[in-house]
PDB file of N, CA and C in Angstrom:
ATOM      1  N   MET A   1     -11.150 -85.300 -38.781  1.00  0.00           N
ATOM      2  CA  MET A   1     -12.239 -85.212 -39.417  1.00  0.00           C
ATOM      3  C   MET A   1     -12.778 -83.919 -38.928  1.00  0.00           C
ATOM      4  N   GLU A   2     -12.823 -83.058 -39.858  1.00  0.00           N
ATOM      5  CA  GLU A   2     -13.277 -81.158 -39.585  1.00  0.00           C
ATOM      6  C   GLU A   2     -14.808 -81.144 -38.921  1.00  0.00           C
ATOM      7  N   HIS A   3     -14.481 -80.319 -38.153  1.00  0.00           N
ATOM      8  CA  HIS A   3     -15.753 -79.972 -37.369  1.00  0.00           C
ATOM      9  C   HIS A   3     -16.089 -78.506 -37.217  1.00  0.00           C
ATOM     10  N   ASN A   4     -16.984 -77.829 -37.876  1.00  0.00           N
ATOM     11  CA  ASN A   4     -17.485 -76.566 -37.572  1.00  0.00           C
ATOM     12  C   ASN A   4     -16.329 -75.495 -38.113  1.00  0.00           C
ATOM     13  N   GLY A   5     -15.681 -76.015 -39.309  1.00  0.00           N
ATOM     14  CA  GLY A   5     -14.806 -75.315 -39.620  1.00  0.00           C
ATOM     15  C   GLY A   5     -13.324 -75.156 -38.906  1.00  0.00           C
ATOM     16  N   TRP A   6     -13.131 -76.197 -37.917  1.00  0.00           N
ATOM     17  CA  TRP A   6     -11.937 -76.440 -37.329  1.00  0.00           C
ATOM     18  C   TRP A   6     -11.360 -77.762 -37.868  1.00  0.00           C
ATOM     19  N   THR A   7     -10.074 -77.892 -37.310  1.00  0.00           N
ATOM     20  CA  THR A   7      -9.563 -79.292 -37.908  1.00  0.00           C
ATOM     21  C   THR A   7     -10.240 -80.464 -37.373  1.00  0.00           C
ATOM     22  N   ASN A   8     -10.652 -80.417 -36.178  1.00  0.00           N
ATOM     23  CA  ASN A   8     -11.419 -81.714 -35.555  1.00  0.00           C
ATOM     24  C   ASN A   8     -12.381 -81.162 -34.464  1.00  0.00           C
ATOM     25  N   TYR A   9     -13.003 -82.048 -33.914  1.00  0.00           N
ATOM     26  CA  TYR A   9     -13.888 -82.001 -32.856  1.00  0.00           C
ATOM     27  C   TYR A   9     -13.313 -81.651 -31.590  1.00  0.00           C
ATOM     28  N   GLU A  10     -12.104 -81.939 -31.217  1.00  0.00           N
ATOM     29  CA  GLU A  10     -11.251 -81.575 -30.130  1.00  0.00           C
ATOM     30  C   GLU A  10     -11.166 -80.122 -30.218  1.00  0.00           C
ATOM     31  N   THR A  11     -10.322 -79.891 -31.012  1.00  0.00           N
ATOM     32  CA  THR A  11      -9.698 -78.356 -31.337  1.00  0.00           C
ATOM     33  C   THR A  11     -11.142 -77.375 -31.174  1.00  0.00           C
ATOM     34  N   TRP A  12     -12.053 -77.611 -31.873  1.00  0.00           N
ATOM     35  CA  TRP A  12     -13.080 -76.785 -31.881  1.00  0.00           C
ATOM     36  C   TRP A  12     -13.790 -76.982 -30.205  1.00  0.00           C
ATOM     37  N   ARG A  13     -13.992 -77.869 -29.735  1.00  0.00           N
ATOM     38  CA  ARG A  13     -14.687 -78.015 -28.502  1.00  0.00           C
ATOM     39  C   ARG A  13     -13.571 -77.285 -27.308  1.00  0.00           C
ATOM     40  N   VAL A  14     -12.134 -77.727 -27.272  1.00  0.00           N
ATOM     41  CA  VAL A  14     -11.197 -76.903 -26.181  1.00  0.00           C
ATOM     42  C   VAL A  14     -11.467 -75.448 -26.578  1.00  0.00           C
ATOM     43  N   ASN A  15     -11.268 -74.915 -27.763  1.00  0.00           N
ATOM     44  CA  ASN A  15     -11.367 -73.316 -27.834  1.00  0.00           C
ATOM     45  C   ASN A  15     -12.790 -73.009 -27.583  1.00  0.00           C
ATOM     46  N   LEU A  16     -13.649 -73.420 -27.965  1.00  0.00           N
ATOM     47  CA  LEU A  16     -14.973 -73.359 -27.111  1.00  0.00           C
ATOM     48  C   LEU A  16     -15.375 -72.973 -25.632  1.00  0.00           C
ATOM     49  N   GLU A  17     -14.823 -74.181 -25.110  1.00  0.00           N
ATOM     50  CA  GLU A  17     -15.199 -74.347 -23.801  1.00  0.00           C
ATOM     51  C   GLU A  17     -13.805 -73.845 -22.872  1.00  0.00           C
ATOM     52  N   MET A  18     -12.563 -74.056 -23.238  1.00  0.00           N
ATOM     53  CA  MET A  18     -11.617 -73.805 -22.421  1.00  0.00           C
ATOM     54  C   MET A  18     -10.920 -72.507 -22.828  1.00  0.00           C
ATOM     55  N   ILE A  19     -10.721 -71.880 -24.024  1.00  0.00           N
ATOM     56  CA  ILE A  19     -10.214 -70.660 -24.342  1.00  0.00           C
ATOM     57  C   ILE A  19     -10.982 -69.711 -24.691  1.00  0.00           C
ATOM     58  N   ASP A  20     -12.288 -69.889 -25.235  1.00  0.00           N
ATOM     59  CA  ASP A  20     -13.382 -68.904 -25.218  1.00  0.00           C
ATOM     60  C   ASP A  20     -13.032 -67.739 -25.600  1.00  0.00           C
ATOM     61  N   ASN A  21     -11.965 -67.635 -26.886  1.00  0.00           N
ATOM     62  CA  ASN A  21     -11.650 -66.331 -27.230  1.00  0.00           C
ATOM     63  C   ASN A  21     -10.923 -65.291 -25.858  1.00  0.00           C
ATOM     64  N   ASN A  22     -10.076 -66.137 -25.269  1.00  0.00           N
ATOM     65  CA  ASN A  22      -9.324 -65.159 -24.129  1.00  0.00           C
ATOM     66  C   ASN A  22      -8.419 -64.306 -24.925  1.00  0.00           C
ATOM     67  N   LYS A  23      -8.753 -63.118 -24.803  1.00  0.00           N
ATOM     68  CA  LYS A  23      -7.749 -62.009 -25.228  1.00  0.00           C
ATOM     69  C   LYS A  23      -6.355 -62.082 -24.705  1.00  0.00           C
ATOM     70  N   ASP A  24      -6.183 -62.332 -23.691  1.00  0.00           N
ATOM     71  CA  ASP A  24      -5.051 -62.539 -22.915  1.00  0.00           C
ATOM     72  C   ASP A  24      -4.131 -63.507 -23.317  1.00  0.00           C
ATOM     73  N   MET A  25      -4.814 -64.707 -24.040  1.00  0.00           N
ATOM     74  CA  MET A  25      -4.207 -65.568 -24.527  1.00  0.00           C
ATOM     75  C   MET A  25      -3.629 -65.401 -25.986  1.00  0.00           C
ATOM     76  N   ALA A  26      -3.745 -64.235 -26.757  1.00  0.00           N
ATOM     77  CA  ALA A  26      -3.774 -64.037 -27.812  1.00  0.00           C
ATOM     78  C   ALA A  26      -2.344 -63.594 -28.333  1.00  0.00           C
ATOM     79  N   VAL A  27      -1.521 -63.442 -26.947  1.00  0.00           N
ATOM     80  CA  VAL A  27      -0.188 -63.187 -27.363  1.00  0.00           C
ATOM     81  C   VAL A  27       0.464 -64.641 -26.883  1.00  0.00           C
ATOM     82  N   TRP A  28       0.130 -65.545 -26.532  1.00  0.00           N
ATOM     83  CA  TRP A  28       0.576 -66.860 -26.468  1.00  0.00           C
ATOM     84  C   TRP A  28       0.755 -67.536 -27.327  1.00  0.00           C
ATOM     85  N   ASP A  29       2.095 -68.359 -27.482  1.00  0.00           N
ATOM     86  CA  ASP A  29       2.165 -69.298 -28.718  1.00  0.00           C
ATOM     87  C   ASP A  29       1.547 -70.550 -28.503  1.00  0.00           C
ATOM     88  N   ALA A  30       1.482 -71.225 -29.162  1.00  0.00           N
ATOM     89  CA  ALA A  30       0.811 -72.742 -29.214  1.00  0.00           C
ATOM     90  C   ALA A  30       1.222 -73.558 -28.111  1.00  0.00           C
ATOM     91  N   ASP A  31       2.631 -73.713 -27.905  1.00  0.00           N
ATOM     92  CA  ASP A  31       2.943 -74.413 -26.641  1.00  0.00           C
ATOM     93  C   ASP A  31       2.592 -73.772 -25.646  1.00  0.00           C
ATOM     94  N   GLU A  32       2.559 -72.436 -25.302  1.00  0.00           N
ATOM     95  CA  GLU A  32       1.956 -72.130 -24.138  1.00  0.00           C
ATOM     96  C   GLU A  32       0.459 -72.270 -23.811  1.00  0.00           C
ATOM     97  N   ILE A  33      -0.454 -72.412 -24.642  1.00  0.00           N
ATOM     98  CA  ILE A  33      -1.727 -72.513 -24.591  1.00  0.00           C
ATOM     99  C   ILE A  33      -2.056 -74.081 -24.374  1.00  0.00           C
ATOM    100  N   GLU A  34      -1.175 -74.630 -24.764  1.00  0.00           N
ATOM    101  CA  GLU A  34      -1.010 -76.330 -24.712  1.00  0.00           C
ATOM    102  C   GLU A  34      -0.869 -76.545 -23.469  1.00  0.00           C
ATOM    103  N   ASP A  35       0.658 -76.134 -23.098  1.00  0.00           N
ATOM    104  CA  ASP A  35       0.736 -76.008 -21.232  1.00  0.00           C
ATOM    105  C   ASP A  35      -0.266 -75.550 -20.428  1.00  0.00           C
ATOM    106  N   TRP A  36      -0.651 -74.555 -20.615  1.00  0.00           N
ATOM    107  CA  TRP A  36      -1.875 -74.029 -19.859  1.00  0.00           C
ATOM    108  C   TRP A  36      -2.909 -75.138 -19.708  1.00  0.00           C
ATOM    109  N   ALA A  37      -3.675 -75.686 -20.826  1.00  0.00           N
ATOM    110  CA  ALA A  37      -4.776 -76.522 -20.634  1.00  0.00           C
ATOM    111  C   ALA A  37      -4.441 -77.774 -20.236  1.00  0.00           C
ATOM    112  N   TYR A  38      -3.034 -78.451 -20.304  1.00  0.00           N
ATOM    113  CA  TYR A  38      -2.768 -79.467 -19.350  1.00  0.00           C
ATOM    114  C   TYR A  38      -2.469 -79.218 -18.034  1.00  0.00           C
ATOM    115  N   GLU A  39      -2.073 -78.309 -17.796  1.00  0.00           N
ATOM    116  CA  GLU A  39      -2.141 -77.794 -16.204  1.00  0.00           C
ATOM    117  C   GLU A  39      -3.535 -77.749 -15.831  1.00  0.00           C
ATOM    118  N   TYR A  40      -4.088 -77.113 -16.301  1.00  0.00           N
ATOM    119  CA  TYR A  40      -5.817 -76.503 -16.001  1.00  0.00           C
ATOM    120  C   TYR A  40      -6.391 -78.246 -15.723  1.00  0.00           C
ATOM    121  N   ILE A  41      -6.443 -79.257 -16.542  1.00  0.00           N
ATOM    122  CA  ILE A  41      -6.861 -80.478 -16.278  1.00  0.00           C
ATOM    123  C   ILE A  41      -6.239 -81.212 -15.154  1.00  0.00           C
ATOM    124  N   GLU A  42      -4.883 -81.091 -15.024  1.00  0.00           N
ATOM    125  CA  GLU A  42      -4.042 -81.566 -14.031  1.00  0.00           C
ATOM    126  C   GLU A  42      -4.429 -81.134 -12.867  1.00  0.00           C
ATOM    127  N   GLU A  43      -4.576 -79.955 -12.572  1.00  0.00           N
ATOM    128  CA  GLU A  43      -4.976 -79.250 -11.293  1.00  0.00           C
ATOM    129  C   GLU A  43      -6.768 -79.596 -11.032  1.00  0.00           C
ATOM    130  N   GLU A  44      -7.569 -79.612 -12.379  1.00  0.00           N
ATOM    131  CA  GLU A  44      -9.054 -79.696 -11.878  1.00  0.00           C
ATOM    132  C   GLU A  44      -9.518 -81.263 -12.033  1.00  0.00           C
ATOM    133  N   SER A  45      -8.688 -82.004 -12.519  1.00  0.00           N
ATOM    134  CA  SER A  45      -9.463 -83.463 -12.852  1.00  0.00           C
ATOM    135  C   SER A  45      -9.054 -84.615 -11.900  1.00  0.00           C
ATOM    136  N   THR A  46      -9.686 -85.365 -11.750  1.00  0.00           N
ATOM    137  CA  THR A  46      -8.939 -86.653 -11.135  1.00  0.00           C
ATOM    138  C   THR A  46      -9.545 -87.841 -11.748  1.00  0.00           C
ATOM    139  N   GLY A  47      -8.748 -89.290 -11.680  1.00  0.00           N
ATOM    140  CA  GLY A  47      -9.363 -90.439 -11.894  1.00  0.00           C
ATOM    141  C   GLY A  47      -9.497 -90.721 -13.333  1.00  0.00           C
ATOM    142  N   LEU A  48     -10.504 -91.315 -13.816  1.00  0.00           N
ATOM    143  CA  LEU A  48     -10.897 -91.979 -15.243  1.00  0.00           C
ATOM    144  C   LEU A  48     -11.087 -90.198 -15.969  1.00  0.00           C
ATOM    145  N   ALA A  49     -11.948 -89.287 -15.400  1.00  0.00           N
ATOM    146  CA  ALA A  49     -12.219 -88.364 -16.237  1.00  0.00           C
ATOM    147  C   ALA A  49     -10.989 -87.540 -16.705  1.00  0.00           C
ATOM    148  N   LYS A  50      -9.881 -87.422 -15.588  1.00  0.00           N
ATOM    149  CA  LYS A  50      -8.684 -86.949 -15.781  1.00  0.00           C
ATOM    150  C   LYS A  50      -8.069 -87.588 -17.267  1.00  0.00           C
ATOM    151  N   ASP A  51      -7.793 -88.713 -17.327  1.00  0.00           N
ATOM    152  CA  ASP A  51      -7.404 -89.712 -18.180  1.00  0.00           C
ATOM    153  C   ASP A  51      -8.185 -89.559 -19.725  1.00  0.00           C
ATOM    154  N   PHE A  52      -9.448 -89.298 -19.528  1.00  0.00           N
ATOM    155  CA  PHE A  52     -10.070 -89.180 -20.806  1.00  0.00           C
ATOM    156  C   PHE A  52      -9.953 -87.491 -21.266  1.00  0.00           C
ATOM    157  N   ALA A  53     -10.021 -86.678 -20.691  1.00  0.00           N
ATOM    158  CA  ALA A  53      -9.497 -85.463 -20.722  1.00  0.00           C
ATOM    159  C   ALA A  53      -7.883 -84.888 -21.404  1.00  0.00           C
ATOM    160  N   MET A  54      -7.266 -85.867 -20.595  1.00  0.00           N
ATOM    161  CA  MET A  54      -5.917 -85.838 -21.239  1.00  0.00           C
ATOM    162  C   MET A  54      -5.764 -86.464 -22.370  1.00  0.00           C
ATOM    163  N   ALA A  55      -6.599 -87.431 -22.865  1.00  0.00           N
ATOM    164  CA  ALA A  55      -6.392 -88.053 -24.231  1.00  0.00           C
ATOM    165  C   ALA A  55      -7.165 -87.258 -25.290  1.00  0.00           C
ATOM    166  N   PHE A  56      -8.068 -86.483 -24.800  1.00  0.00           N
ATOM    167  CA  PHE A  56      -8.718 -85.554 -25.683  1.00  0.00           C
ATOM    168  C   PHE A  56      -7.794 -84.406 -25.731  1.00  0.00           C
ATOM    169  N   LEU A  57      -7.033 -83.807 -25.143  1.00  0.00           N
ATOM    170  CA  LEU A  57      -6.184 -82.799 -25.546  1.00  0.00           C
ATOM    171  C   LEU A  57      -5.096 -83.009 -26.308  1.00  0.00           C
ATOM    172  N   ARG A  58      -4.882 -84.676 -26.242  1.00  0.00           N
ATOM    173  CA  ARG A  58      -3.762 -85.025 -27.357  1.00  0.00           C
ATOM    174  C   ARG A  58      -4.226 -84.762 -28.781  1.00  0.00           C
ATOM    175  N   GLU A  59      -5.460 -84.513 -29.049  1.00  0.00           N
ATOM    176  CA  GLU A  59      -5.916 -84.611 -30.527  1.00  0.00           C
ATOM    177  C   GLU A  59      -6.146 -83.250 -30.791  1.00  0.00           C
ATOM    178  N   VAL A  60      -5.958 -81.856 -29.813  1.00  0.00           N
ATOM    179  CA  VAL A  60      -5.985 -80.706 -30.240  1.00  0.00           C
ATOM    180  C   VAL A  60      -4.943 -80.124 -31.253  1.00  0.00           C
ATOM    181  N   ASN A  61      -5.359 -79.002 -32.448  1.00  0.00           N
ATOM    182  CA  ASN A  61      -4.697 -78.436 -32.996  1.00  0.00           C
ATOM    183  C   ASN A  61      -4.023 -77.029 -32.382  1.00  0.00           C
ATOM    184  N   TRP A  62      -3.224 -77.127 -31.680  1.00  0.00           N
ATOM    185  CA  TRP A  62      -3.125 -75.912 -30.777  1.00  0.00           C
ATOM    186  C   TRP A  62      -2.636 -74.673 -31.726  1.00  0.00           C
ATOM    187  N   PHE A  63      -1.883 -75.055 -32.839  1.00  0.00           N
ATOM    188  CA  PHE A  63      -1.285 -74.297 -33.554  1.00  0.00           C
ATOM    189  C   PHE A  63      -2.617 -73.277 -34.212  1.00  0.00           C
ATOM    190  N   GLU A  64      -3.672 -73.985 -34.571  1.00  0.00           N
ATOM    191  CA  GLU A  64      -4.896 -73.548 -34.835  1.00  0.00           C
ATOM    192  C   GLU A  64      -5.598 -72.389 -33.918  1.00  0.00           C
ATOM    193  N   ILE A  65      -5.595 -73.093 -32.876  1.00  0.00           N
ATOM    194  CA  ILE A  65      -6.233 -72.416 -31.653  1.00  0.00           C
ATOM    195  C   ILE A  65      -5.407 -70.797 -31.633  1.00  0.00           C
ATOM    196  N   SER A  66      -4.134 -71.016 -31.611  1.00  0.00           N
ATOM    197  CA  SER A  66      -3.140 -69.846 -31.276  1.00  0.00           C
ATOM    198  C   SER A  66      -3.365 -68.742 -32.675  1.00  0.00           C
ATOM    199  N   ASN A  67      -3.168 -69.261 -33.836  1.00  0.00           N
ATOM    200  CA  ASN A  67      -3.420 -68.450 -35.003  1.00  0.00           C
ATOM    201  C   ASN A  67      -4.906 -67.985 -34.975  1.00  0.00           C
ATOM    202  N   HIS A  68      -5.929 -68.721 -34.362  1.00  0.00           N
ATOM    203  CA  HIS A  68      -7.510 -67.915 -34.324  1.00  0.00           C
ATOM    204  C   HIS A  68      -7.631 -66.739 -33.311  1.00  0.00           C
ATOM    205  N   LEU A  69      -6.807 -66.928 -32.132  1.00  0.00           N
ATOM    206  CA  LEU A  69      -6.671 -66.091 -31.396  1.00  0.00           C
ATOM    207  C   LEU A  69      -5.972 -64.545 -32.218  1.00  0.00           C
ATOM    208  N   ARG A  70      -4.867 -64.972 -32.539  1.00  0.00           N
ATOM    209  CA  ARG A  70      -4.053 -63.891 -33.091  1.00  0.00           C
ATOM    210  C   ARG A  70      -4.860 -63.207 -34.122  1.00  0.00           C
ATOM    211  N   ASP A  71      -5.514 -63.843 -34.924  1.00  0.00           N
ATOM    212  CA  ASP A  71      -6.581 -63.322 -36.105  1.00  0.00           C
ATOM    213  C   ASP A  71      -7.425 -62.652 -35.394  1.00  0.00           C
ATOM    214  N   THR A  72      -8.018 -62.804 -34.367  1.00  0.00           N
ATOM    215  CA  THR A  72      -9.095 -62.581 -33.689  1.00  0.00           C
ATOM    216  C   THR A  72      -8.938 -61.189 -33.050  1.00  0.00           C
ATOM    217  N   TYR A  73      -7.617 -60.951 -32.556  1.00  0.00           N
ATOM    218  CA  TYR A  73      -7.403 -59.680 -31.727  1.00  0.00           C
ATOM    219  C   TYR A  73      -6.190 -58.972 -32.474  1.00  0.00           C
ATOM    220  N   GLY A  74      -6.086 -59.095 -34.071  1.00  0.00           N
ATOM    221  CA  GLY A  74      -4.932 -58.640 -34.720  1.00  0.00           C
ATOM    222  C   GLY A  74      -3.556 -58.220 -33.765  1.00  0.00           C
ATOM    223  N   ILE A  75      -2.912 -59.810 -33.544  1.00  0.00           N
ATOM    224  CA  ILE A  75      -1.823 -59.883 -32.991  1.00  0.00           C
ATOM    225  C   ILE A  75      -0.671 -60.551 -33.968  1.00  0.00           C
ATOM    226  N   CYS A  76       0.081 -60.175 -34.254  1.00  0.00           N
ATOM    227  CA  CYS A  76       1.220 -60.602 -35.120  1.00  0.00           C
ATOM    228  C   CYS A  76       1.764 -62.087 -35.244  1.00  0.00           C
ATOM    229  N   ARG A  77       1.608 -62.967 -35.624  1.00  0.00           N
ATOM    230  CA  ARG A  77       1.734 -64.324 -35.483  1.00  0.00           C
ATOM    231  C   ARG A  77       3.360 -64.198 -35.325  1.00  0.00           C
ATOM    232  N   ASN A  78       4.286 -63.396 -35.541  1.00  0.00           N
ATOM    233  CA  ASN A  78       5.689 -63.642 -34.972  1.00  0.00           C
ATOM    234  C   ASN A  78       6.190 -62.954 -33.877  1.00  0.00           C
ATOM    235  N   CYS A  79       5.811 -61.461 -33.678  1.00  0.00           N
ATOM    236  CA  CYS A  79       6.005 -60.901 -32.671  1.00  0.00           C
ATOM    237  C   CYS A  79       5.088 -60.161 -31.710  1.00  0.00           C
ATOM    238  N   ASN A  80       4.097 -60.545 -32.127  1.00  0.00           N
ATOM    239  CA  ASN A  80       2.923 -59.894 -30.898  1.00  0.00           C
ATOM    240  C   ASN A  80       2.854 -58.418 -30.885  1.00  0.00           C
ATOM    241  N   GLU A  81       3.035 -57.962 -31.956  1.00  0.00           N
ATOM    242  CA  GLU A  81       2.597 -56.650 -32.248  1.00  0.00           C
ATOM    243  C   GLU A  81       1.243 -56.543 -32.467  1.00  0.00           C
ATOM    244  N   GLU A  82       0.283 -55.386 -32.583  1.00  0.00           N
ATOM    245  CA  GLU A  82      -0.793 -55.315 -33.080  1.00  0.00           C
ATOM    246  C   GLU A  82      -0.608 -54.951 -34.687  1.00  0.00           C
ATOM    247  N   THR A  83      -1.819 -55.520 -35.438  1.00  0.00           N
ATOM    248  CA  THR A  83      -1.694 -55.675 -36.912  1.00  0.00           C
ATOM    249  C   THR A  83      -3.120 -56.150 -37.425  1.00  0.00           C
ATOM    250  N   GLU A  84      -3.459 -55.685 -38.677  1.00  0.00           N
ATOM    251  CA  GLU A  84      -4.445 -56.194 -39.199  1.00  0.00           C
ATOM    252  C   GLU A  84      -4.534 -57.183 -40.202  1.00  0.00           C
ATOM    253  N   GLU A  85      -3.352 -57.762 -40.475  1.00  0.00           N
ATOM    254  CA  GLU A  85      -3.194 -58.593 -41.099  1.00  0.00           C
ATOM    255  C   GLU A  85      -2.378 -60.075 -40.227  1.00  0.00           C
ATOM    256  N   GLU A  86      -2.083 -61.048 -40.754  1.00  0.00           N
ATOM    257  CA  GLU A  86      -1.290 -62.177 -40.123  1.00  0.00           C
ATOM    258  C   GLU A  86      -0.039 -61.658 -39.358  1.00  0.00           C
ATOM    259  N   TYR A  87       0.573 -60.868 -40.118  1.00  0.00           N
ATOM    260  CA  TYR A  87       2.233 -60.792 -39.522  1.00  0.00           C
ATOM    261  C   TYR A  87       2.097 -58.905 -39.705  1.00  0.00           C
ATOM    262  N   CYS A  88       2.840 -58.394 -38.961  1.00  0.00           N
ATOM    263  CA  CYS A  88       2.890 -56.971 -39.147  1.00  0.00           C
ATOM    264  C   CYS A  88       3.831 -56.463 -40.109  1.00  0.00           C
ATOM    265  N   LYS A  89       4.144 -55.325 -40.618  1.00  0.00           N
ATOM    266  CA  LYS A  89       5.059 -54.881 -41.643  1.00  0.00           C
ATOM    267  C   LYS A  89       6.389 -55.133 -41.650  1.00  0.00           C
ATOM    268  N   GLU A  90       7.016 -55.264 -40.477  1.00  0.00           N
ATOM    269  CA  GLU A  90       8.454 -55.415 -40.279  1.00  0.00           C
ATOM    270  C   GLU A  90       8.753 -56.946 -40.303  1.00  0.00           C
ATOM    271  N   CYS A  91       7.699 -57.655 -39.857  1.00  0.00           N
ATOM    272  CA  CYS A  91       7.861 -59.263 -39.988  1.00  0.00           C
ATOM    273  C   CYS A  91       7.310 -59.434 -41.277  1.00  0.00           C
ATOM    274  N   LYS A  92       6.509 -59.193 -41.983  1.00  0.00           N
ATOM    275  CA  LYS A  92       6.190 -59.668 -43.253  1.00  0.00           C
ATOM    276  C   LYS A  92       7.409 -59.118 -44.310  1.00  0.00           C
ATOM    277  N   GLU A  93       7.924 -58.159 -44.072  1.00  0.00           N
ATOM    278  CA  GLU A  93       9.309 -57.715 -44.886  1.00  0.00           C
ATOM    279  C   GLU A  93      10.379 -58.535 -44.647  1.00  0.00           C
ATOM    280  N   GLU A  94      10.618 -58.919 -43.577  1.00  0.00           N
ATOM    281  CA  GLU A  94      11.637 -59.690 -42.904  1.00  0.00           C
ATOM    282  C   GLU A  94      11.585 -61.340 -43.674  1.00  0.00           C
ATOM    283  N   GLN A  95      10.146 -61.767 -43.381  1.00  0.00           N
ATOM    284  CA  GLN A  95       9.909 -63.140 -44.041  1.00  0.00           C
ATOM    285  C   GLN A  95      10.165 -63.070 -45.636  1.00  0.00           C
ATOM    286  N   GLU A  96       9.879 -61.861 -46.100  1.00  0.00           N
ATOM    287  CA  GLU A  96      10.140 -61.592 -47.872  1.00  0.00           C
ATOM    288  C   GLU A  96      11.647 -61.687 -47.851  1.00  0.00           C
ATOM    289  N   ALA A  97      12.342 -60.806 -47.255  1.00  0.00           N
ATOM    290  CA  ALA A  97      13.842 -60.784 -47.361  1.00  0.00           C
ATOM    291  C   ALA A  97      14.490 -62.278 -46.778  1.00  0.00           C
ATOM    292  N   MET A  98      14.004 -62.985 -45.969  1.00  0.00           N
ATOM    293  CA  MET A  98      14.617 -64.222 -45.804  1.00  0.00           C
ATOM    294  C   MET A  98      14.166 -65.217 -47.018  1.00  0.00           C
ATOM    295  N   LEU A  99      13.077 -65.068 -47.718  1.00  0.00           N
ATOM    296  CA  LEU A  99      12.836 -65.981 -48.723  1.00  0.00           C
ATOM    297  C   LEU A  99      13.398 -65.923 -49.909  1.00  0.00           C
ATOM    298  N   SER A 100      13.722 -64.477 -50.036  1.00  0.00           N
ATOM    299  CA  SER A 100      14.668 -64.109 -51.349  1.00  0.00           C
ATOM    300  C   SER A 100      15.995 -64.206 -51.223  1.00  0.00           C
ATOM    301  N   PHE A 101      16.683 -64.720 -50.002  1.00  0.00           N
ATOM    302  CA  PHE A 101      18.125 -64.995 -49.832  1.00  0.00           C
ATOM    303  C   PHE A 101      18.445 -66.077 -50.487  1.00  0.00           C
ATOM    304  N   ASP A 102      19.509 -66.131 -51.095  1.00  0.00           N
ATOM    305  CA  ASP A 102      19.934 -67.167 -52.034  1.00  0.00           C
ATOM    306  C   ASP A 102      20.831 -68.117 -51.141  1.00  0.00           C
ATOM    307  N   ARG A 103      20.224 -69.109 -51.008  1.00  0.00           N
ATOM    308  CA  ARG A 103      20.924 -70.252 -50.420  1.00  0.00           C
ATOM    309  C   ARG A 103      21.673 -71.008 -50.660  1.00  0.00           C
ATOM    310  N   GLY A 104      22.517 -70.721 -52.097  1.00  0.00           N
ATOM    311  CA  GLY A 104      23.450 -71.280 -52.614  1.00  0.00           C
ATOM    312  C   GLY A 104      24.928 -71.205 -52.007  1.00  0.00           C
TER     313      GLY A 104
END
């Protein structure tokens, strides 16, 4: 269920409490952000609280957080170059060329 414009409460809350628009993470892909979050909980939590936190993280949409960071700081979703759009000019042209490629 959507929450505050995010996929769900878990995604919104992790972005708000753990990521907090960390500019350094804007060049990380979704898997790297997810790995960091799991490692953080692994190191900082114990017992039942750790179990609840790990279960909470399983519901997070890591791609949404990654894309949000990239959009916030103007980072291409493909090559990590600065851009004002989702993709830099070179990556956009490459994607368009791939889409027009005859697969026959």
